[in-house]
Amino acid sequence: MIVDGLRMSVTAAPDPQARAALVAGLVEFHEHLLGPAESCPLAVLLHDARDALRGGLWGRSGHGWLFIELLFVPEALRGRGLGGELLAAAEVEAVARGCGGVWLDTMNPAALPFYLRHGYESFGELADYPAGNRRVFLRRRLG
């Protein structure tokens, strides 16, 4: 039931400004509840000799934690320790920013042992996401 003259719409092509408005509302609410997140982006990027981007890590820090959104090393460069170096560089920066931990999630069954080898522990999972697989949430305390 929709009240007070409000209407609901469902779309597969939402206006990006709608998302921005929702994010702004949530940020305002959470800042009132939890204080400012002081969210700050972080990128640790791998470039080749021609300065072309070859891989890297993307995340953001806030509320004393670093969240790693993306970590990508091209298949041809895997097995050389680059993923671990990306994590280590991000963790050093996280400590410098006052973060006490790092968290991330993965749906890649091959990535899970990689994160576990680097000191991350699972703190939850979403089964059948995608079907027949799982999304695992991991964290690592720093300091």
Protein backbone atom coordinates (compact mmCIF):
# COMPACT_ATOMS: atom_id res chain seq x y z
CA MET A 1 0.00 0.00 0.00
CA ILE A 2 1.43 3.37 -1.04
CA VAL A 3 0.35 6.38 1.05
CA ASP A 4 0.43 10.17 1.00
CA GLY A 5 0.20 10.47 -2.77
CA LEU A 6 3.41 8.52 -3.35
CA ARG A 7 3.75 6.19 -6.31
CA MET A 8 6.13 3.35 -6.97
CA SER A 9 7.88 2.59 -10.24
CA VAL A 10 9.95 -0.40 -11.30
CA THR A 11 12.54 -0.01 -14.03
CA ALA A 12 15.48 -1.84 -15.56
CA ALA A 13 16.90 1.51 -16.74
CA PRO A 14 17.03 3.75 -13.67
CA ASP A 15 18.27 7.33 -13.85
CA PRO A 16 21.73 7.57 -12.23
CA GLN A 17 20.49 10.64 -10.37
CA ALA A 18 17.98 8.42 -8.59
CA ARG A 19 20.82 6.29 -7.22
CA ALA A 20 22.73 9.40 -6.20
CA ALA A 21 19.67 10.66 -4.30
CA LEU A 22 19.28 7.32 -2.49
CA VAL A 23 22.97 7.25 -1.58
CA ALA A 24 22.80 10.83 -0.30
CA GLY A 25 19.83 9.94 1.89
CA LEU A 26 21.59 6.89 3.33
CA VAL A 27 24.82 8.80 3.93
CA GLU A 28 22.93 11.52 5.80
CA PHE A 29 21.06 8.95 7.89
CA HIS A 30 24.19 6.94 8.70
CA GLU A 31 26.23 10.03 9.55
CA HIS A 32 23.53 11.04 12.04
CA LEU A 33 23.53 7.52 13.49
CA LEU A 34 27.24 6.62 13.34
CA GLY A 35 29.13 9.83 12.69
CA PRO A 36 30.93 10.72 9.46
CA ALA A 37 32.47 7.78 7.62
CA GLU A 38 35.20 9.96 6.17
CA SER A 39 35.12 7.59 3.21
CA CYS A 40 38.24 7.85 1.08
CA PRO A 41 38.94 5.93 -2.14
CA LEU A 42 42.05 3.79 -2.50
CA ALA A 43 43.58 2.37 -5.67
CA VAL A 44 46.76 0.32 -5.99
CA LEU A 45 47.38 -0.03 -9.71
CA LEU A 46 49.71 -2.18 -11.83
CA HIS A 47 51.11 -0.52 -14.96
CA ASP A 48 53.35 -2.04 -17.63
CA ALA A 49 56.44 -0.41 -19.17
CA ARG A 50 54.19 1.58 -21.53
CA ASP A 51 52.12 2.79 -18.56
CA ALA A 52 49.09 0.73 -19.63
CA LEU A 53 46.94 -0.43 -16.73
CA ARG A 54 47.36 -4.18 -16.28
CA GLY A 55 45.61 -4.83 -12.99
CA GLY A 56 45.18 -3.60 -9.48
CA LEU A 57 43.10 -3.17 -6.39
CA TRP A 58 40.23 -0.73 -5.81
CA GLY A 59 38.58 0.06 -2.51
CA ARG A 60 37.68 2.67 0.05
CA SER A 61 38.29 3.29 3.72
CA GLY A 62 35.75 4.48 6.24
CA HIS A 63 34.66 3.87 9.84
CA GLY A 64 38.07 2.39 10.60
CA TRP A 65 37.97 -0.30 7.91
CA LEU A 66 39.23 -0.70 4.37
CA PHE A 67 36.76 -2.34 2.01
CA ILE A 68 38.35 -3.93 -1.05
CA GLU A 69 35.83 -3.73 -3.87
CA LEU A 70 38.00 -5.14 -6.67
CA LEU A 71 41.27 -7.01 -7.00
CA PHE A 72 42.32 -8.07 -10.48
CA VAL A 73 45.52 -9.56 -11.84
CA PRO A 74 45.39 -10.72 -15.48
CA GLU A 75 45.71 -14.47 -15.90
CA ALA A 76 49.03 -14.12 -17.74
CA LEU A 77 50.53 -12.35 -14.69
CA ARG A 78 49.17 -14.64 -11.97
CA GLY A 79 51.42 -16.83 -9.86
CA ARG A 80 54.09 -14.14 -9.49
CA GLY A 81 53.00 -12.78 -6.11
CA LEU A 82 51.42 -9.63 -7.53
CA GLY A 83 48.08 -10.21 -5.82
CA GLY A 84 49.80 -10.50 -2.46
CA GLU A 85 51.80 -7.35 -3.16
CA LEU A 86 48.59 -5.47 -4.02
CA LEU A 87 47.01 -6.62 -0.75
CA ALA A 88 50.11 -5.70 1.24
CA ALA A 89 50.30 -2.20 -0.27
CA ALA A 90 46.61 -1.63 0.44
CA GLU A 91 47.01 -2.86 4.01
CA VAL A 92 49.97 -0.52 4.63
CA GLU A 93 47.87 2.39 3.39
CA ALA A 94 44.91 1.21 5.49
CA VAL A 95 47.06 1.30 8.63
CA ALA A 96 48.30 4.77 7.69
CA ARG A 97 44.65 5.83 7.44
CA GLY A 98 43.94 4.48 10.92
CA CYS A 99 42.06 1.38 9.80
CA GLY A 100 42.00 -1.58 12.15
CA GLY A 101 40.98 -4.07 9.50
CA VAL A 102 40.20 -4.92 5.89
CA TRP A 103 37.15 -6.67 4.52
CA LEU A 104 36.11 -7.96 1.11
CA ASP A 105 33.98 -10.58 -0.55
CA THR A 106 34.57 -13.05 -3.36
CA MET A 107 32.51 -15.38 -5.55
CA ASN A 108 35.63 -16.92 -7.08
CA PRO A 109 36.35 -20.36 -5.60
CA ALA A 110 40.01 -20.07 -6.71
CA ALA A 111 40.41 -16.71 -4.95
CA LEU A 112 39.24 -17.98 -1.56
CA PRO A 113 42.43 -19.97 -0.78
CA PHE A 114 44.49 -16.96 -1.94
CA TYR A 115 42.84 -14.70 0.64
CA LEU A 116 43.05 -17.34 3.36
CA ARG A 117 46.82 -17.73 2.69
CA HIS A 118 47.17 -13.97 3.17
CA GLY A 119 45.65 -14.01 6.65
CA TYR A 120 42.00 -13.35 5.84
CA GLU A 121 39.25 -15.27 7.64
CA SER A 122 35.71 -15.96 6.53
CA PHE A 123 32.99 -14.29 8.58
CA GLY A 124 30.01 -15.27 6.48
CA GLU A 125 28.74 -16.53 3.19
CA LEU A 126 25.76 -16.34 0.90
CA ALA A 127 25.02 -19.80 -0.48
CA ASP A 128 23.87 -20.27 -4.08
CA TYR A 129 25.18 -16.89 -5.20
CA PRO A 130 25.38 -17.46 -8.06
CA ALA A 131 23.50 -20.76 -8.24
CA GLY A 132 25.73 -23.66 -7.29
CA ASN A 133 28.39 -21.32 -5.93
CA ARG A 134 28.75 -19.06 -2.89
CA ARG A 135 29.78 -15.52 -2.05
CA VAL A 136 32.21 -15.51 0.86
CA PHE A 137 32.86 -12.49 3.09
CA LEU A 138 36.37 -12.20 4.54
CA ARG A 139 38.20 -9.92 6.93
CA ARG A 140 41.67 -9.36 8.27
CA ARG A 141 42.53 -7.43 11.40
CA LEU A 142 45.48 -5.07 11.03
CA GLY A 143 47.99 -3.81 13.55
